[in-house]
Amino acid sequence: MQNKRSPVIFVGHGSPMNAIEKNPFTEKWEALGRELPRPEAILCVSAHWYTDGSRTTDAEAPRMIYDMYGFPDPLYRIVYNAPGSPHFARLTADLISDEVQIDNRWGFDHGTWSVLCRMLPAADIPVFQLSVDRRADAQTIFRIGQELRPLRKEGVLILGSGNVVHNLARINWDMEGGYPWAEEFDSYIKTSILAGDFDNVVHYERAGESSRLAFYTPDHFAPLLYALGAVEAEDSVSVFNDDCVMGSMSMTGYLFQ
């Protein structure tokens, strides 16, 4: 058991191409990987495992999931061969008061491996995933995050991987920044987090019209709620990759430690 809590991170993961492209976002992920204390294991809540109910993976060697289409072939040749963590996966299932199904049909999807292959390329730290429960409301997801807090004292780094703003229907591939509503929603979330007002994040609809445009399904926003639930009052917060791109996607990330 560790004396100090492991960090909590939320990463705006954006395009899978970040796994093979060098840019300011991936450079920050790489820098974070060099700065973080080495965890015993990593629990990733990825937007791309969106299930009815909660599920986790307890395989010794989780499989690669290439859950994206139409990308260059080198992306499908990436193998992030980190071991799994049966012990911590089962502990996670025990900590969550709702039923958690063990489901090893899944493995590492690109919400996990596209970030970790840049942040921790050695792939020598055990990794396991927890799914986003599509049936749970925001308050329930935040409560599940709170139930994950004991993992941090066991040395488990909790990583939420999604995007605060993720509206693919309004993507503008030629736009560098964000639409005004995307910037507004991202700023609302950031202001709330920095003020420690997580209730405003749970009740993101308080942001008004921008919240209705930020996403149509909460799969990419929910990992932020899991991460915030695991945060302790004593944690400090820092913001990284503080940008919107392509009009309707936020790459903003948060580190709590």
Protein backbone atom coordinates (compact mmCIF):
# COMPACT_ATOMS: atom_id res chain seq x y z
CA MET A 1 0.00 0.00 0.00
CA GLN A 2 1.22 3.47 -0.87
CA ASN A 3 1.47 6.34 1.59
CA LYS A 4 0.34 8.91 -0.95
CA ARG A 5 -2.69 8.85 -3.21
CA SER A 6 -2.10 8.20 -6.89
CA PRO A 7 -3.29 10.97 -9.19
CA VAL A 8 -6.53 11.25 -11.11
CA ILE A 9 -6.35 12.39 -14.73
CA PHE A 10 -8.93 13.31 -17.30
CA VAL A 11 -7.62 13.38 -20.86
CA GLY A 12 -9.35 14.86 -23.86
CA HIS A 13 -8.20 12.13 -26.24
CA GLY A 14 -9.54 13.46 -29.54
CA SER A 15 -8.67 11.67 -32.76
CA PRO A 16 -7.07 8.19 -32.70
CA MET A 17 -4.42 9.73 -34.96
CA ASN A 18 -2.88 11.21 -31.81
CA ALA A 19 -1.39 7.75 -31.29
CA ILE A 20 0.90 8.20 -34.29
CA GLU A 21 1.07 11.96 -34.85
CA LYS A 22 3.33 14.34 -32.95
CA ASN A 23 1.52 17.51 -31.91
CA PRO A 24 1.21 19.78 -28.84
CA PHE A 25 -1.41 17.49 -27.30
CA THR A 26 0.68 14.33 -27.51
CA GLU A 27 3.76 16.24 -26.34
CA LYS A 28 1.88 17.13 -23.16
CA TRP A 29 0.80 13.51 -22.66
CA GLU A 30 4.44 12.45 -22.99
CA ALA A 31 5.52 15.12 -20.50
CA LEU A 32 2.88 13.97 -18.02
CA GLY A 33 4.11 10.41 -18.30
CA ARG A 34 7.63 11.52 -17.39
CA GLU A 35 6.43 13.58 -14.42
CA LEU A 36 3.91 11.23 -12.80
CA PRO A 37 4.83 8.90 -9.95
CA ARG A 38 4.85 5.31 -11.14
CA PRO A 39 1.50 3.69 -10.23
CA GLU A 40 0.85 0.10 -9.27
CA ALA A 41 -1.84 -0.08 -11.96
CA ILE A 42 -3.98 2.14 -14.15
CA LEU A 43 -7.77 2.11 -14.25
CA CYS A 44 -9.01 3.70 -17.46
CA VAL A 45 -12.63 4.74 -17.94
CA SER A 46 -12.86 5.16 -21.70
CA ALA A 47 -15.70 6.77 -23.63
CA HIS A 48 -15.41 3.95 -26.14
CA TRP A 49 -16.65 1.22 -23.82
CA TYR A 50 -20.26 2.33 -23.47
CA THR A 51 -22.41 -0.44 -22.03
CA ASP A 52 -25.68 -1.24 -20.32
CA GLY A 53 -24.54 -1.41 -16.72
CA SER A 54 -20.95 -1.34 -15.47
CA ARG A 55 -18.33 -3.77 -16.72
CA THR A 56 -14.64 -4.31 -16.10
CA THR A 57 -11.86 -6.41 -17.57
CA ASP A 58 -9.89 -8.81 -15.38
CA ALA A 59 -7.88 -10.56 -18.09
CA GLU A 60 -4.20 -11.20 -17.48
CA ALA A 61 -3.44 -9.92 -20.99
CA PRO A 62 -6.30 -7.77 -22.33
CA ARG A 63 -6.83 -7.81 -26.09
CA MET A 64 -6.47 -4.83 -28.39
CA ILE A 65 -9.70 -3.25 -29.63
CA TYR A 66 -9.43 -1.28 -32.89
CA ASP A 67 -12.76 0.47 -32.54
CA MET A 68 -12.36 3.02 -35.33
CA TYR A 69 -12.83 2.92 -39.08
CA GLY A 70 -11.22 4.44 -42.16
CA PHE A 71 -7.89 5.42 -40.61
CA PRO A 72 -4.39 4.74 -41.99
CA ASP A 73 -3.07 1.20 -41.68
CA PRO A 74 -0.25 2.05 -39.21
CA LEU A 75 -2.89 2.88 -36.61
CA TYR A 76 -4.20 -0.69 -36.72
CA ARG A 77 -0.72 -2.09 -36.20
CA ILE A 78 -0.24 -0.43 -32.81
CA VAL A 79 -0.08 -2.95 -29.99
CA TYR A 80 -0.10 -1.68 -26.42
CA ASN A 81 0.79 -4.90 -24.67
CA ALA A 82 0.53 -3.85 -21.05
CA PRO A 83 -0.57 -6.61 -18.68
CA GLY A 84 -3.99 -6.57 -17.13
CA SER A 85 -4.68 -6.40 -13.40
CA PRO A 86 -7.09 -9.12 -12.25
CA HIS A 87 -6.57 -8.15 -8.60
CA PHE A 88 -7.46 -4.48 -8.99
CA ALA A 89 -10.23 -5.19 -11.49
CA ARG A 90 -11.97 -7.45 -8.98
CA LEU A 91 -11.36 -4.95 -6.18
CA THR A 92 -12.96 -2.27 -8.37
CA ALA A 93 -16.00 -4.47 -8.91
CA ASP A 94 -16.26 -4.98 -5.15
CA LEU A 95 -15.99 -1.26 -4.39
CA ILE A 96 -18.85 -0.25 -6.69
CA SER A 97 -22.20 -0.66 -4.96
CA ASP A 98 -24.00 -1.42 -8.23
CA GLU A 99 -23.52 -4.74 -9.99
CA VAL A 100 -20.35 -4.89 -12.11
CA GLN A 101 -20.00 -7.54 -14.78
CA ILE A 102 -16.60 -9.02 -15.62
CA ASP A 103 -16.39 -8.87 -19.41
CA ASN A 104 -13.18 -9.91 -21.12
CA ARG A 105 -14.68 -9.72 -24.60
CA TRP A 106 -13.39 -6.15 -24.38
CA GLY A 107 -9.80 -5.07 -23.76
CA PHE A 108 -7.89 -1.87 -24.55
CA ASP A 109 -9.87 0.40 -26.87
CA HIS A 110 -8.42 3.47 -28.53
CA GLY A 111 -9.59 5.75 -25.71
CA THR A 112 -7.01 3.87 -23.65
CA TRP A 113 -4.20 2.84 -25.95
CA SER A 114 -4.02 6.01 -28.06
CA VAL A 115 -3.23 7.97 -24.88
CA LEU A 116 -1.11 5.45 -22.98
CA CYS A 117 1.11 4.61 -25.94
CA ARG A 118 2.27 8.25 -25.75
CA MET A 119 2.06 8.81 -22.00
CA LEU A 120 3.60 5.51 -20.85
CA PRO A 121 5.06 3.85 -23.96
CA ALA A 122 6.93 1.11 -22.09
CA ALA A 123 3.55 -0.61 -21.46
CA ASP A 124 4.98 -2.18 -18.30
CA ILE A 125 2.28 -1.01 -15.86
CA PRO A 126 -0.88 -3.13 -15.47
CA VAL A 127 -3.95 -1.56 -17.08
CA PHE A 128 -7.64 -2.44 -16.84
CA GLN A 129 -10.80 -0.71 -17.98
CA LEU A 130 -14.16 0.18 -16.46
CA SER A 131 -17.00 0.84 -18.85
CA VAL A 132 -19.23 3.89 -18.97
CA ASP A 133 -22.72 2.87 -17.84
CA ARG A 134 -25.10 4.28 -20.46
CA ARG A 135 -28.08 3.70 -18.14
CA ALA A 136 -26.65 5.78 -15.29
CA ASP A 137 -27.39 9.47 -14.91
CA ALA A 138 -24.67 12.02 -14.19
CA GLN A 139 -25.16 11.90 -10.42
CA THR A 140 -24.88 8.11 -10.36
CA ILE A 141 -21.72 8.19 -12.46
CA PHE A 142 -20.19 10.75 -10.10
CA ARG A 143 -21.13 8.55 -7.13
CA ILE A 144 -19.42 5.55 -8.77
CA GLY A 145 -16.34 7.72 -9.12
CA GLN A 146 -16.49 8.45 -5.40
CA GLU A 147 -16.59 4.72 -4.71
CA LEU A 148 -13.34 4.33 -6.65
CA ARG A 149 -11.40 6.62 -4.31
CA PRO A 150 -9.88 3.82 -2.18
CA LEU A 151 -8.04 2.56 -5.26
CA ARG A 152 -5.87 5.66 -5.20
CA LYS A 153 -4.38 4.74 -1.82
CA GLU A 154 -3.55 1.33 -3.28
CA GLY A 155 -1.46 3.01 -5.96
CA VAL A 156 -3.99 2.89 -8.80
CA LEU A 157 -3.94 5.86 -11.16
CA ILE A 158 -7.47 6.67 -12.32
CA LEU A 159 -7.63 7.88 -15.92
CA GLY A 160 -10.80 9.20 -17.54
CA SER A 161 -10.52 9.37 -21.32
CA GLY A 162 -13.11 11.25 -23.37
CA ASN A 163 -13.78 14.85 -24.41
CA VAL A 164 -15.64 17.64 -22.61
CA VAL A 165 -17.05 18.78 -25.97
CA HIS A 166 -17.59 16.00 -28.51
CA ASN A 167 -20.11 16.76 -31.26
CA LEU A 168 -18.99 14.90 -34.37
CA ALA A 169 -22.06 16.05 -36.30
CA ARG A 170 -20.70 19.61 -36.22
CA ILE A 171 -17.00 18.89 -36.80
CA ASN A 172 -15.24 21.33 -39.14
CA TRP A 173 -12.02 19.62 -40.24
CA ASP A 174 -10.54 22.92 -41.46
CA MET A 175 -11.21 24.90 -38.26
CA GLU A 176 -8.36 25.37 -35.78
CA GLY A 177 -10.28 26.52 -32.72
CA GLY A 178 -13.76 25.97 -31.39
CA TYR A 179 -17.17 27.40 -32.17
CA PRO A 180 -18.26 30.02 -29.61
CA TRP A 181 -20.67 27.57 -27.96
CA ALA A 182 -17.92 24.92 -27.67
CA GLU A 183 -15.54 27.42 -26.08
CA GLU A 184 -18.35 28.57 -23.78
CA PHE A 185 -19.17 25.08 -22.53
CA ASP A 186 -15.51 24.13 -22.13
CA SER A 187 -14.96 27.34 -20.16
CA TYR A 188 -18.01 26.68 -17.97
CA ILE A 189 -16.67 23.23 -17.06
CA LYS A 190 -13.15 24.54 -16.46
CA THR A 191 -14.33 27.42 -14.27
CA SER A 192 -16.45 25.03 -12.21
CA ILE A 193 -13.64 22.52 -11.75
CA LEU A 194 -11.09 25.14 -10.76
CA ALA A 195 -13.58 26.52 -8.22
CA GLY A 196 -14.12 23.02 -6.80
CA ASP A 197 -17.80 23.22 -7.76
CA PHE A 198 -18.24 19.71 -9.11
CA ASP A 199 -22.00 19.94 -8.65
CA ASN A 200 -22.05 22.42 -11.54
CA VAL A 201 -20.26 19.83 -13.66
CA VAL A 202 -22.68 17.06 -12.69
CA HIS A 203 -25.49 19.46 -13.56
CA TYR A 204 -23.81 20.58 -16.76
CA GLU A 205 -27.17 21.66 -18.20
CA ARG A 206 -26.77 24.80 -16.08
CA ALA A 207 -24.43 26.02 -18.81
CA GLY A 208 -27.51 26.67 -20.94
CA GLU A 209 -27.66 26.35 -24.73
CA SER A 210 -23.99 25.42 -25.00
CA SER A 211 -24.65 22.24 -22.99
CA ARG A 212 -27.20 21.10 -25.58
CA LEU A 213 -24.67 21.49 -28.38
CA ALA A 214 -21.62 20.11 -26.55
CA PHE A 215 -22.63 16.47 -27.13
CA TYR A 216 -25.65 14.45 -28.17
CA THR A 217 -24.75 11.38 -26.10
CA PRO A 218 -22.77 11.64 -22.84
CA ASP A 219 -20.27 8.84 -23.59
CA HIS A 220 -17.30 11.21 -23.96
CA PHE A 221 -18.34 13.51 -21.12
CA ALA A 222 -19.03 10.76 -18.58
CA PRO A 223 -15.35 9.80 -18.00
CA LEU A 224 -14.85 13.30 -16.59
CA LEU A 225 -17.58 12.62 -14.01
CA TYR A 226 -16.00 9.31 -12.96
CA ALA A 227 -12.68 11.13 -12.56
CA LEU A 228 -14.16 14.02 -10.57
CA GLY A 229 -15.89 11.61 -8.22
CA ALA A 230 -12.51 10.09 -7.35
CA VAL A 231 -11.00 13.47 -6.47
CA GLU A 232 -10.37 14.28 -2.80
CA ALA A 233 -10.87 17.72 -1.25
CA GLU A 234 -7.13 18.03 -0.60
CA ASP A 235 -6.15 17.47 -4.23
CA SER A 236 -4.73 20.30 -6.29
CA VAL A 237 -5.78 20.64 -9.91
CA SER A 238 -3.88 21.69 -13.01
CA VAL A 239 -5.20 22.12 -16.54
CA PHE A 240 -3.40 20.91 -19.66
CA ASN A 241 -4.18 20.92 -23.39
CA ASP A 242 -6.58 23.79 -22.82
CA ASP A 243 -7.95 23.96 -26.37
CA CYS A 244 -10.93 23.31 -28.58
CA VAL A 245 -10.28 22.02 -32.10
CA MET A 246 -12.22 21.41 -35.31
CA GLY A 247 -15.06 23.58 -34.05
CA SER A 248 -16.79 21.05 -31.83
CA MET A 249 -14.19 19.07 -29.87
CA SER A 250 -12.41 19.98 -26.63
CA MET A 251 -8.98 18.56 -25.89
CA THR A 252 -8.86 20.06 -22.39
CA GLY A 253 -7.43 17.81 -19.71
CA TYR A 254 -7.13 17.88 -15.91
CA LEU A 255 -4.62 16.50 -13.44
CA PHE A 256 -5.60 16.07 -9.78
CA GLN A 257 -2.97 15.10 -7.21
